[in-house]
Amino acid sequence: MLQIGKTLVSLDVIEQKFACDIDKCLGACCIEGDAGAPLEESELRLLKKYFPKIKKYLPAEHLQVIEQKGLYEKDKDGDWVTTCHDSGACVFVFYDDRGIARCAFQHAYEKGEIDWPKPISCHLYPIRLAKYPEFTAVNYSKRDICLPGRIKGEKLGVRVYQFLEQPLRRAFGDEWYEELDFTAKQWLKQKENL
């Protein structure tokens, strides 16, 4: 792991290659898993604030689940997560005309209807954060559903941290990212010379 500020960054984040290939995975990260997307406490109010703007994009069965269970819930560990449909899909997912799972928040953001793209855990995926009192661990979650993204990343020569530059800057700031980029390049150069 590399220490950048108050974070410990897994070497996989800088060594592994990845570039999301949503045309191949069909947005599987939004519809598969044992719980909804992790939420920060501050994001709960954002879900409430922007829900009226995005609900027009959601399928009726997802709106029904939201009506019954709410926008978010606690998982088995007691952490806040987005509510999921019985199918496993996040309730904020809709399907485009190609059958790709899309985030309604991201869709509304891209259309200029809201000024918040989506929960940071979704934006960072497949990076996952684990927060501890003294530091935050920045890890790469290497799941089978992202195999197309690993193949595309290898083909393009793009590393995980490079593909996720925008959400990493959003999560930790520009200065943090610049330090990560510099440190990563030094690490990779040193590794090549071994």
N, C-alpha and C. Protein backbone atom coordinates (compact mmCIF):
# COMPACT_ATOMS: atom_id res chain seq x y z
N MET A 1 0.84 -1.20 0.00
CA MET A 1 0.00 0.00 0.00
C MET A 1 0.88 1.25 0.00
N LEU A 2 0.34 2.29 -0.58
CA LEU A 2 1.02 3.58 -0.60
C LEU A 2 0.24 4.57 0.26
N GLN A 3 0.94 5.35 1.06
CA GLN A 3 0.26 6.35 1.88
C GLN A 3 0.24 7.67 1.13
N ILE A 4 -0.97 8.19 0.93
CA ILE A 4 -1.16 9.51 0.34
C ILE A 4 -2.04 10.28 1.32
N GLY A 5 -1.46 11.26 1.98
CA GLY A 5 -2.21 12.00 3.00
C GLY A 5 -2.70 11.04 4.07
N LYS A 6 -4.01 11.08 4.34
CA LYS A 6 -4.59 10.21 5.36
C LYS A 6 -5.27 9.00 4.71
N THR A 7 -4.73 8.58 3.57
CA THR A 7 -5.26 7.39 2.91
C THR A 7 -4.15 6.38 2.71
N LEU A 8 -4.54 5.11 2.68
CA LEU A 8 -3.65 4.02 2.30
C LEU A 8 -4.22 3.44 1.00
N VAL A 9 -3.47 3.57 -0.06
CA VAL A 9 -3.94 3.17 -1.39
C VAL A 9 -3.35 1.80 -1.74
N SER A 10 -4.22 0.85 -2.03
CA SER A 10 -3.80 -0.49 -2.43
C SER A 10 -2.98 -0.40 -3.71
N LEU A 11 -1.94 -1.21 -3.81
CA LEU A 11 -1.12 -1.22 -5.02
C LEU A 11 -1.93 -1.64 -6.24
N ASP A 12 -2.99 -2.43 -6.04
CA ASP A 12 -3.84 -2.82 -7.16
C ASP A 12 -4.45 -1.60 -7.86
N VAL A 13 -4.73 -0.55 -7.10
CA VAL A 13 -5.33 0.66 -7.66
C VAL A 13 -4.40 1.29 -8.71
N ILE A 14 -3.10 1.18 -8.50
CA ILE A 14 -2.17 1.78 -9.46
C ILE A 14 -1.56 0.76 -10.44
N GLU A 15 -1.54 -0.50 -10.06
CA GLU A 15 -0.92 -1.50 -10.93
C GLU A 15 -1.90 -2.15 -11.92
N GLN A 16 -3.13 -2.39 -11.46
CA GLN A 16 -4.11 -3.08 -12.31
C GLN A 16 -4.67 -2.14 -13.37
N LYS A 17 -5.10 -2.73 -14.47
CA LYS A 17 -5.68 -1.95 -15.56
C LYS A 17 -7.19 -2.16 -15.61
N PHE A 18 -7.89 -1.06 -15.92
CA PHE A 18 -9.35 -1.10 -15.92
C PHE A 18 -9.91 0.10 -16.69
N ALA A 19 -10.95 -0.15 -17.48
CA ALA A 19 -11.71 0.90 -18.15
C ALA A 19 -13.12 0.34 -18.34
N CYS A 20 -14.07 0.87 -17.63
CA CYS A 20 -15.44 0.34 -17.66
C CYS A 20 -15.91 0.11 -19.10
N ASP A 21 -16.50 -1.05 -19.33
CA ASP A 21 -17.04 -1.38 -20.65
C ASP A 21 -18.52 -1.71 -20.48
N ILE A 22 -19.29 -0.66 -20.26
CA ILE A 22 -20.72 -0.82 -19.92
C ILE A 22 -21.51 -1.51 -21.03
N ASP A 23 -21.04 -1.40 -22.27
CA ASP A 23 -21.73 -2.10 -23.37
C ASP A 23 -21.63 -3.61 -23.23
N LYS A 24 -20.61 -4.08 -22.53
CA LYS A 24 -20.43 -5.53 -22.32
C LYS A 24 -21.01 -6.00 -20.98
N CYS A 25 -20.80 -5.22 -19.91
CA CYS A 25 -21.29 -5.67 -18.58
C CYS A 25 -22.74 -5.28 -18.35
N LEU A 26 -23.25 -4.35 -19.13
CA LEU A 26 -24.65 -3.88 -19.06
C LEU A 26 -25.00 -3.23 -17.72
N GLY A 27 -24.00 -2.68 -17.04
CA GLY A 27 -24.26 -2.00 -15.77
C GLY A 27 -24.47 -2.96 -14.62
N ALA A 28 -23.79 -4.10 -14.66
CA ALA A 28 -23.99 -5.15 -13.65
C ALA A 28 -23.74 -4.66 -12.22
N CYS A 29 -22.84 -3.69 -12.03
CA CYS A 29 -22.54 -3.23 -10.67
C CYS A 29 -23.75 -2.56 -10.02
N CYS A 30 -24.72 -2.11 -10.82
CA CYS A 30 -25.93 -1.47 -10.28
C CYS A 30 -27.05 -2.46 -9.99
N ILE A 31 -26.86 -3.71 -10.42
CA ILE A 31 -27.95 -4.68 -10.27
C ILE A 31 -27.55 -5.95 -9.55
N GLU A 32 -26.25 -6.10 -9.24
CA GLU A 32 -25.78 -7.30 -8.55
C GLU A 32 -25.07 -6.94 -7.26
N GLY A 33 -25.22 -7.78 -6.27
CA GLY A 33 -24.54 -7.55 -4.98
C GLY A 33 -25.43 -7.99 -3.83
N ASP A 34 -24.86 -7.99 -2.64
CA ASP A 34 -25.63 -8.44 -1.48
C ASP A 34 -26.32 -7.30 -0.75
N ALA A 35 -26.11 -6.05 -1.19
CA ALA A 35 -26.77 -4.89 -0.60
C ALA A 35 -26.67 -3.74 -1.59
N GLY A 36 -27.35 -2.64 -1.27
CA GLY A 36 -27.30 -1.46 -2.14
C GLY A 36 -25.95 -0.78 -2.06
N ALA A 37 -25.82 0.32 -2.78
CA ALA A 37 -24.57 1.08 -2.80
C ALA A 37 -24.34 1.75 -1.45
N PRO A 38 -23.12 1.67 -0.92
CA PRO A 38 -22.81 2.35 0.35
C PRO A 38 -23.04 3.86 0.23
N LEU A 39 -23.59 4.44 1.29
CA LEU A 39 -23.89 5.87 1.32
C LEU A 39 -23.20 6.54 2.49
N GLU A 40 -22.73 7.74 2.26
CA GLU A 40 -22.20 8.55 3.35
C GLU A 40 -23.38 9.25 4.00
N GLU A 41 -23.27 9.54 5.27
CA GLU A 41 -24.36 10.20 6.01
C GLU A 41 -24.85 11.45 5.29
N SER A 42 -23.92 12.24 4.75
CA SER A 42 -24.28 13.49 4.08
C SER A 42 -25.07 13.26 2.79
N GLU A 43 -24.97 12.06 2.23
CA GLU A 43 -25.67 11.77 0.98
C GLU A 43 -27.14 11.44 1.18
N LEU A 44 -27.54 11.12 2.39
CA LEU A 44 -28.94 10.77 2.63
C LEU A 44 -29.85 11.95 2.28
N ARG A 45 -29.44 13.15 2.69
CA ARG A 45 -30.27 14.32 2.38
C ARG A 45 -30.25 14.63 0.88
N LEU A 46 -29.13 14.30 0.20
CA LEU A 46 -29.05 14.54 -1.25
C LEU A 46 -30.00 13.61 -2.00
N LEU A 47 -30.12 12.37 -1.54
CA LEU A 47 -31.09 11.45 -2.17
C LEU A 47 -32.50 12.03 -2.05
N LYS A 48 -32.82 12.53 -0.84
CA LYS A 48 -34.16 13.12 -0.62
C LYS A 48 -34.35 14.37 -1.47
N LYS A 49 -33.32 15.21 -1.52
CA LYS A 49 -33.40 16.47 -2.26
C LYS A 49 -33.64 16.26 -3.75
N TYR A 50 -32.91 15.30 -4.35
CA TYR A 50 -32.97 15.15 -5.80
C TYR A 50 -33.94 14.08 -6.28
N PHE A 51 -34.48 13.29 -5.37
CA PHE A 51 -35.41 12.24 -5.78
C PHE A 51 -36.58 12.78 -6.61
N PRO A 52 -37.23 13.90 -6.20
CA PRO A 52 -38.34 14.40 -7.02
C PRO A 52 -37.96 14.68 -8.48
N LYS A 53 -36.70 15.02 -8.73
CA LYS A 53 -36.25 15.32 -10.10
C LYS A 53 -35.95 14.07 -10.92
N ILE A 54 -35.64 12.95 -10.23
CA ILE A 54 -35.21 11.75 -10.98
C ILE A 54 -36.27 10.66 -11.04
N LYS A 55 -37.32 10.79 -10.23
CA LYS A 55 -38.28 9.67 -10.17
C LYS A 55 -38.98 9.41 -11.48
N LYS A 56 -39.06 10.42 -12.34
CA LYS A 56 -39.70 10.23 -13.66
C LYS A 56 -38.97 9.21 -14.53
N TYR A 57 -37.71 8.95 -14.21
CA TYR A 57 -36.92 7.99 -15.00
C TYR A 57 -37.05 6.55 -14.50
N LEU A 58 -37.60 6.38 -13.31
CA LEU A 58 -37.59 5.06 -12.67
C LEU A 58 -38.78 4.19 -13.07
N PRO A 59 -38.55 2.86 -13.19
CA PRO A 59 -39.65 1.95 -13.49
C PRO A 59 -40.64 1.90 -12.31
N ALA A 60 -41.88 1.60 -12.62
CA ALA A 60 -42.94 1.58 -11.61
C ALA A 60 -42.61 0.65 -10.46
N GLU A 61 -42.00 -0.51 -10.75
CA GLU A 61 -41.71 -1.46 -9.67
C GLU A 61 -40.65 -0.92 -8.71
N HIS A 62 -39.76 -0.07 -9.19
CA HIS A 62 -38.76 0.54 -8.31
C HIS A 62 -39.40 1.62 -7.46
N LEU A 63 -40.32 2.38 -8.05
CA LEU A 63 -41.04 3.41 -7.28
C LEU A 63 -41.87 2.76 -6.17
N GLN A 64 -42.42 1.60 -6.46
CA GLN A 64 -43.21 0.87 -5.47
C GLN A 64 -42.33 0.44 -4.29
N VAL A 65 -41.12 -0.04 -4.57
CA VAL A 65 -40.19 -0.44 -3.51
C VAL A 65 -39.80 0.77 -2.68
N ILE A 66 -39.55 1.90 -3.32
CA ILE A 66 -39.19 3.13 -2.61
C ILE A 66 -40.34 3.55 -1.69
N GLU A 67 -41.57 3.43 -2.19
CA GLU A 67 -42.74 3.79 -1.39
C GLU A 67 -42.84 2.90 -0.15
N GLN A 68 -42.51 1.62 -0.30
CA GLN A 68 -42.60 0.66 0.81
C GLN A 68 -41.41 0.75 1.77
N LYS A 69 -40.18 0.85 1.22
CA LYS A 69 -38.98 0.74 2.05
C LYS A 69 -38.20 2.04 2.23
N GLY A 70 -38.46 3.03 1.36
CA GLY A 70 -37.71 4.28 1.43
C GLY A 70 -36.56 4.32 0.43
N LEU A 71 -35.86 5.44 0.43
CA LEU A 71 -34.75 5.67 -0.52
C LEU A 71 -33.48 4.95 -0.12
N TYR A 72 -33.33 4.67 1.18
CA TYR A 72 -32.13 4.03 1.71
C TYR A 72 -32.50 3.21 2.93
N GLU A 73 -31.58 2.33 3.31
CA GLU A 73 -31.80 1.46 4.45
C GLU A 73 -30.45 1.09 5.05
N LYS A 74 -30.47 0.41 6.16
CA LYS A 74 -29.21 -0.05 6.77
C LYS A 74 -28.95 -1.49 6.35
N ASP A 75 -27.69 -1.78 6.06
CA ASP A 75 -27.33 -3.15 5.70
C ASP A 75 -27.07 -3.98 6.95
N LYS A 76 -26.63 -5.22 6.76
CA LYS A 76 -26.43 -6.11 7.90
C LYS A 76 -25.36 -5.62 8.87
N ASP A 77 -24.47 -4.73 8.39
CA ASP A 77 -23.43 -4.18 9.26
C ASP A 77 -23.85 -2.86 9.91
N GLY A 78 -25.08 -2.42 9.61
CA GLY A 78 -25.57 -1.18 10.19
C GLY A 78 -25.16 0.07 9.44
N ASP A 79 -24.68 -0.10 8.19
CA ASP A 79 -24.27 1.05 7.38
C ASP A 79 -25.39 1.42 6.40
N TRP A 80 -25.47 2.70 6.05
CA TRP A 80 -26.48 3.16 5.10
C TRP A 80 -26.13 2.71 3.68
N VAL A 81 -27.15 2.21 2.97
CA VAL A 81 -27.02 1.79 1.57
C VAL A 81 -28.29 2.18 0.83
N THR A 82 -28.19 2.25 -0.50
CA THR A 82 -29.39 2.49 -1.29
C THR A 82 -30.30 1.27 -1.16
N THR A 83 -31.58 1.50 -1.23
CA THR A 83 -32.55 0.40 -1.19
C THR A 83 -32.47 -0.37 -2.51
N CYS A 84 -32.71 -1.67 -2.43
CA CYS A 84 -32.69 -2.51 -3.63
C CYS A 84 -34.04 -3.17 -3.86
N HIS A 85 -34.32 -3.40 -5.11
CA HIS A 85 -35.48 -4.18 -5.54
C HIS A 85 -35.17 -5.64 -5.21
N ASP A 86 -36.19 -6.49 -5.12
CA ASP A 86 -35.98 -7.92 -4.84
C ASP A 86 -35.08 -8.58 -5.88
N SER A 87 -35.02 -8.03 -7.07
CA SER A 87 -34.16 -8.58 -8.13
C SER A 87 -32.68 -8.34 -7.84
N GLY A 88 -32.39 -7.44 -6.89
CA GLY A 88 -31.01 -7.08 -6.57
C GLY A 88 -30.62 -5.73 -7.13
N ALA A 89 -31.44 -5.19 -8.04
CA ALA A 89 -31.13 -3.89 -8.65
C ALA A 89 -31.34 -2.76 -7.67
N CYS A 90 -30.44 -1.78 -7.71
CA CYS A 90 -30.62 -0.55 -6.95
C CYS A 90 -31.93 0.10 -7.42
N VAL A 91 -32.70 0.67 -6.50
CA VAL A 91 -33.98 1.27 -6.89
C VAL A 91 -33.83 2.51 -7.77
N PHE A 92 -32.62 3.04 -7.88
CA PHE A 92 -32.40 4.23 -8.70
C PHE A 92 -31.95 3.89 -10.11
N VAL A 93 -32.07 2.62 -10.47
CA VAL A 93 -31.70 2.13 -11.80
C VAL A 93 -32.90 2.17 -12.73
N PHE A 94 -32.64 2.57 -13.96
CA PHE A 94 -33.60 2.37 -15.05
C PHE A 94 -32.81 1.71 -16.18
N TYR A 95 -33.50 1.16 -17.14
CA TYR A 95 -32.85 0.45 -18.25
C TYR A 95 -33.04 1.22 -19.54
N ASP A 96 -31.93 1.46 -20.25
CA ASP A 96 -32.05 2.19 -21.51
C ASP A 96 -32.55 1.25 -22.61
N ASP A 97 -32.65 1.79 -23.81
CA ASP A 97 -33.23 0.99 -24.90
C ASP A 97 -32.37 -0.17 -25.33
N ARG A 98 -31.12 -0.24 -24.83
CA ARG A 98 -30.25 -1.39 -25.12
C ARG A 98 -30.21 -2.38 -23.95
N GLY A 99 -31.01 -2.11 -22.91
CA GLY A 99 -31.05 -3.01 -21.76
C GLY A 99 -29.93 -2.76 -20.76
N ILE A 100 -29.25 -1.62 -20.87
CA ILE A 100 -28.16 -1.29 -19.95
C ILE A 100 -28.72 -0.59 -18.72
N ALA A 101 -28.32 -1.08 -17.55
CA ALA A 101 -28.73 -0.46 -16.29
C ALA A 101 -28.05 0.89 -16.15
N ARG A 102 -28.84 1.92 -15.95
CA ARG A 102 -28.34 3.29 -15.82
C ARG A 102 -28.81 3.89 -14.50
N CYS A 103 -27.99 4.78 -13.96
CA CYS A 103 -28.34 5.47 -12.72
C CYS A 103 -29.18 6.70 -13.06
N ALA A 104 -30.34 6.83 -12.44
CA ALA A 104 -31.22 7.96 -12.71
C ALA A 104 -30.59 9.28 -12.25
N PHE A 105 -29.82 9.24 -11.15
CA PHE A 105 -29.14 10.46 -10.70
C PHE A 105 -28.12 10.91 -11.74
N GLN A 106 -27.30 9.98 -12.23
CA GLN A 106 -26.28 10.30 -13.23
C GLN A 106 -26.94 10.82 -14.50
N HIS A 107 -28.04 10.21 -14.89
CA HIS A 107 -28.76 10.61 -16.10
C HIS A 107 -29.25 12.06 -15.96
N ALA A 108 -29.87 12.37 -14.82
CA ALA A 108 -30.37 13.73 -14.59
C ALA A 108 -29.22 14.73 -14.51
N TYR A 109 -28.10 14.32 -13.92
CA TYR A 109 -26.92 15.18 -13.83
C TYR A 109 -26.39 15.50 -15.23
N GLU A 110 -26.28 14.49 -16.07
CA GLU A 110 -25.78 14.69 -17.43
C GLU A 110 -26.70 15.57 -18.27
N LYS A 111 -28.00 15.56 -17.94
CA LYS A 111 -28.96 16.39 -18.65
C LYS A 111 -29.05 17.81 -18.06
N GLY A 112 -28.26 18.06 -16.98
CA GLY A 112 -28.26 19.38 -16.35
C GLY A 112 -29.45 19.64 -15.45
N GLU A 113 -30.15 18.58 -15.05
CA GLU A 113 -31.34 18.74 -14.21
C GLU A 113 -31.00 18.82 -12.72
N ILE A 114 -29.86 18.24 -12.33
CA ILE A 114 -29.39 18.31 -10.95
C ILE A 114 -27.89 18.55 -10.97
N ASP A 115 -27.34 18.97 -9.81
CA ASP A 115 -25.91 19.28 -9.76
C ASP A 115 -25.10 18.29 -8.93
N TRP A 116 -25.63 17.09 -8.79
CA TRP A 116 -24.96 16.02 -8.02
C TRP A 116 -24.98 14.76 -8.87
N PRO A 117 -23.79 14.19 -9.18
CA PRO A 117 -23.78 13.07 -10.13
C PRO A 117 -24.36 11.75 -9.62
N LYS A 118 -24.04 11.36 -8.40
CA LYS A 118 -24.53 10.11 -7.81
C LYS A 118 -23.72 9.88 -6.54
N PRO A 119 -24.10 8.88 -5.72
CA PRO A 119 -23.30 8.61 -4.52
C PRO A 119 -21.84 8.36 -4.88
N ILE A 120 -20.94 8.82 -4.03
CA ILE A 120 -19.51 8.71 -4.31
C ILE A 120 -19.07 7.25 -4.44
N SER A 121 -19.70 6.34 -3.69
CA SER A 121 -19.31 4.92 -3.79
C SER A 121 -19.60 4.38 -5.18
N CYS A 122 -20.66 4.87 -5.81
CA CYS A 122 -21.00 4.44 -7.18
C CYS A 122 -20.02 5.04 -8.18
N HIS A 123 -19.71 6.31 -7.97
CA HIS A 123 -18.81 7.02 -8.88
C HIS A 123 -17.41 6.41 -8.86
N LEU A 124 -16.98 5.95 -7.69
CA LEU A 124 -15.65 5.37 -7.53
C LEU A 124 -15.54 3.91 -7.97
N TYR A 125 -16.66 3.21 -8.09
CA TYR A 125 -16.61 1.78 -8.35
C TYR A 125 -15.81 1.45 -9.60
N PRO A 126 -14.91 0.46 -9.60
CA PRO A 126 -14.72 -0.61 -8.63
C PRO A 126 -13.74 -0.32 -7.48
N ILE A 127 -13.44 0.94 -7.25
CA ILE A 127 -12.71 1.27 -6.02
C ILE A 127 -13.71 1.30 -4.88
N ARG A 128 -13.31 0.73 -3.76
CA ARG A 128 -14.12 0.75 -2.55
C ARG A 128 -13.30 1.40 -1.44
N LEU A 129 -13.96 2.21 -0.63
CA LEU A 129 -13.30 2.87 0.49
C LEU A 129 -13.68 2.18 1.79
N ALA A 130 -12.72 2.05 2.69
CA ALA A 130 -12.98 1.55 4.05
C ALA A 130 -12.43 2.61 5.00
N LYS A 131 -13.33 3.20 5.79
CA LYS A 131 -12.92 4.29 6.67
C LYS A 131 -12.63 3.78 8.07
N TYR A 132 -11.48 4.20 8.58
CA TYR A 132 -11.02 3.87 9.92
C TYR A 132 -10.74 5.18 10.65
N PRO A 133 -10.63 5.15 11.98
CA PRO A 133 -10.40 6.41 12.70
C PRO A 133 -9.16 7.19 12.23
N GLU A 134 -8.09 6.50 11.89
CA GLU A 134 -6.83 7.19 11.54
C GLU A 134 -6.60 7.36 10.04
N PHE A 135 -7.29 6.58 9.21
CA PHE A 135 -7.03 6.64 7.77
C PHE A 135 -8.21 6.06 7.00
N THR A 136 -8.19 6.26 5.69
CA THR A 136 -9.16 5.65 4.78
C THR A 136 -8.39 4.73 3.84
N ALA A 137 -8.83 3.47 3.75
CA ALA A 137 -8.22 2.52 2.82
C ALA A 137 -8.90 2.66 1.46
N VAL A 138 -8.09 2.75 0.41
CA VAL A 138 -8.59 2.87 -0.96
C VAL A 138 -8.23 1.57 -1.67
N ASN A 139 -9.24 0.72 -1.89
CA ASN A 139 -9.01 -0.63 -2.42
C ASN A 139 -9.70 -0.83 -3.76
N TYR A 140 -9.15 -1.74 -4.54
CA TYR A 140 -9.73 -2.12 -5.82
C TYR A 140 -10.49 -3.43 -5.63
N SER A 141 -11.78 -3.41 -5.92
CA SER A 141 -12.62 -4.59 -5.78
C SER A 141 -12.67 -5.30 -7.14
N LYS A 142 -11.96 -6.40 -7.24
CA LYS A 142 -11.81 -7.12 -8.51
C LYS A 142 -12.88 -8.20 -8.60
N ARG A 143 -14.05 -7.84 -9.15
CA ARG A 143 -15.16 -8.79 -9.25
C ARG A 143 -15.31 -9.30 -10.68
N ASP A 144 -15.89 -10.49 -10.80
CA ASP A 144 -16.09 -11.11 -12.12
C ASP A 144 -16.93 -10.24 -13.04
N ILE A 145 -17.90 -9.50 -12.47
CA ILE A 145 -18.78 -8.68 -13.32
C ILE A 145 -18.00 -7.62 -14.09
N CYS A 146 -16.81 -7.28 -13.60
CA CYS A 146 -16.00 -6.24 -14.25
C CYS A 146 -14.92 -6.81 -15.18
N LEU A 147 -15.01 -8.08 -15.52
CA LEU A 147 -14.03 -8.67 -16.44
C LEU A 147 -13.95 -7.88 -17.76
N PRO A 148 -15.08 -7.47 -18.36
CA PRO A 148 -14.97 -6.68 -19.59
C PRO A 148 -14.17 -5.39 -19.39
N GLY A 149 -14.29 -4.78 -18.22
CA GLY A 149 -13.55 -3.57 -17.91
C GLY A 149 -12.05 -3.82 -17.77
N ARG A 150 -11.70 -4.98 -17.24
CA ARG A 150 -10.27 -5.33 -17.13
C ARG A 150 -9.67 -5.58 -18.52
N ILE A 151 -10.44 -6.26 -19.36
CA ILE A 151 -9.99 -6.53 -20.73
C ILE A 151 -9.80 -5.21 -21.49
N LYS A 152 -10.78 -4.32 -21.37
CA LYS A 152 -10.70 -3.02 -22.06
C LYS A 152 -9.54 -2.19 -21.50
N GLY A 153 -9.35 -2.22 -20.20
CA GLY A 153 -8.25 -1.49 -19.57
C GLY A 153 -6.90 -1.96 -20.06
N GLU A 154 -6.74 -3.28 -20.18
CA GLU A 154 -5.49 -3.85 -20.72
C GLU A 154 -5.27 -3.38 -22.16
N LYS A 155 -6.34 -3.45 -22.93
CA LYS A 155 -6.26 -3.07 -24.35
C LYS A 155 -5.86 -1.60 -24.50
N LEU A 156 -6.43 -0.74 -23.65
CA LEU A 156 -6.16 0.70 -23.73
C LEU A 156 -4.93 1.13 -22.93
N GLY A 157 -4.44 0.24 -22.04
CA GLY A 157 -3.30 0.60 -21.20
C GLY A 157 -3.65 1.60 -20.10
N VAL A 158 -4.89 1.54 -19.61
CA VAL A 158 -5.38 2.48 -18.60
C VAL A 158 -5.43 1.79 -17.24
N ARG A 159 -4.84 2.42 -16.26
CA ARG A 159 -4.83 1.88 -14.89
C ARG A 159 -6.08 2.32 -14.14
N VAL A 160 -6.42 1.57 -13.09
CA VAL A 160 -7.63 1.84 -12.30
C VAL A 160 -7.68 3.30 -11.88
N TYR A 161 -6.60 3.79 -11.26
CA TYR A 161 -6.62 5.15 -10.73
C TYR A 161 -6.73 6.19 -11.85
N GLN A 162 -6.24 5.88 -13.04
CA GLN A 162 -6.34 6.81 -14.16
C GLN A 162 -7.77 6.87 -14.69
N PHE A 163 -8.39 5.70 -14.82
CA PHE A 163 -9.77 5.67 -15.30
C PHE A 163 -10.70 6.39 -14.33
N LEU A 164 -10.40 6.27 -13.04
CA LEU A 164 -11.27 6.87 -12.01
C LEU A 164 -10.74 8.21 -11.49
N GLU A 165 -10.01 8.92 -12.33
CA GLU A 165 -9.46 10.21 -11.91
C GLU A 165 -10.53 11.17 -11.41
N GLN A 166 -11.59 11.34 -12.17
CA GLN A 166 -12.63 12.31 -11.80
C GLN A 166 -13.26 11.99 -10.43
N PRO A 167 -13.73 10.76 -10.19
CA PRO A 167 -14.30 10.49 -8.87
C PRO A 167 -13.26 10.53 -7.74
N LEU A 168 -12.01 10.17 -8.03
CA LEU A 168 -10.98 10.27 -6.99
C LEU A 168 -10.72 11.73 -6.64
N ARG A 169 -10.71 12.60 -7.63
CA ARG A 169 -10.58 14.04 -7.35
C ARG A 169 -11.78 14.53 -6.55
N ARG A 170 -12.96 14.05 -6.91
CA ARG A 170 -14.18 14.43 -6.18
C ARG A 170 -14.10 13.99 -4.72
N ALA A 171 -13.60 12.78 -4.49
CA ALA A 171 -13.56 12.21 -3.14
C ALA A 171 -12.47 12.83 -2.27
N PHE A 172 -11.29 13.07 -2.87
CA PHE A 172 -10.13 13.46 -2.06
C PHE A 172 -9.49 14.79 -2.43
N GLY A 173 -9.87 15.38 -3.55
CA GLY A 173 -9.33 16.67 -3.94
C GLY A 173 -8.23 16.57 -4.99
N ASP A 174 -7.96 17.69 -5.64
CA ASP A 174 -6.97 17.74 -6.72
C ASP A 174 -5.55 17.49 -6.22
N GLU A 175 -5.21 18.10 -5.10
CA GLU A 175 -3.85 17.95 -4.57
C GLU A 175 -3.55 16.49 -4.24
N TRP A 176 -4.53 15.82 -3.62
CA TRP A 176 -4.39 14.39 -3.29
C TRP A 176 -4.15 13.58 -4.57
N TYR A 177 -4.99 13.85 -5.60
CA TYR A 177 -4.86 13.08 -6.84
C TYR A 177 -3.51 13.32 -7.51
N GLU A 178 -3.06 14.57 -7.52
CA GLU A 178 -1.75 14.86 -8.13
C GLU A 178 -0.63 14.10 -7.41
N GLU A 179 -0.73 14.02 -6.09
CA GLU A 179 0.27 13.27 -5.33
C GLU A 179 0.18 11.78 -5.64
N LEU A 180 -1.04 11.28 -5.75
CA LEU A 180 -1.23 9.86 -6.11
C LEU A 180 -0.62 9.59 -7.49
N ASP A 181 -0.91 10.43 -8.45
CA ASP A 181 -0.42 10.25 -9.81
C ASP A 181 1.11 10.26 -9.83
N PHE A 182 1.72 11.21 -9.16
CA PHE A 182 3.18 11.31 -9.11
C PHE A 182 3.78 10.06 -8.44
N THR A 183 3.21 9.67 -7.29
CA THR A 183 3.71 8.52 -6.55
C THR A 183 3.53 7.23 -7.35
N ALA A 184 2.38 7.11 -8.02
CA ALA A 184 2.09 5.92 -8.83
C ALA A 184 3.11 5.79 -9.96
N LYS A 185 3.39 6.88 -10.63
CA LYS A 185 4.35 6.84 -11.75
C LYS A 185 5.74 6.47 -11.26
N GLN A 186 6.13 7.00 -10.10
CA GLN A 186 7.43 6.65 -9.52
C GLN A 186 7.48 5.16 -9.18
N TRP A 187 6.40 4.67 -8.56
CA TRP A 187 6.31 3.27 -8.16
C TRP A 187 6.41 2.35 -9.39
N LEU A 188 5.64 2.67 -10.42
CA LEU A 188 5.62 1.84 -11.62
C LEU A 188 6.96 1.85 -12.34
N LYS A 189 7.63 3.00 -12.35
CA LYS A 189 8.96 3.11 -12.97
C LYS A 189 9.97 2.26 -12.20
N GLN A 190 9.90 2.36 -10.89
CA GLN A 190 10.80 1.58 -10.01
C GLN A 190 10.56 0.09 -10.22
N LYS A 191 9.30 -0.30 -10.32
CA LYS A 191 8.95 -1.72 -10.50
C LYS A 191 9.47 -2.24 -11.84
N GLU A 192 9.41 -1.42 -12.87
CA GLU A 192 9.91 -1.80 -14.20
C GLU A 192 11.42 -2.07 -14.17
N ASN A 193 12.12 -1.31 -13.34
CA ASN A 193 13.57 -1.41 -13.28
C ASN A 193 14.10 -2.54 -12.40
N LEU A 194 13.17 -3.26 -11.75
CA LEU A 194 13.61 -4.37 -10.87
C LEU A 194 14.00 -5.58 -11.69
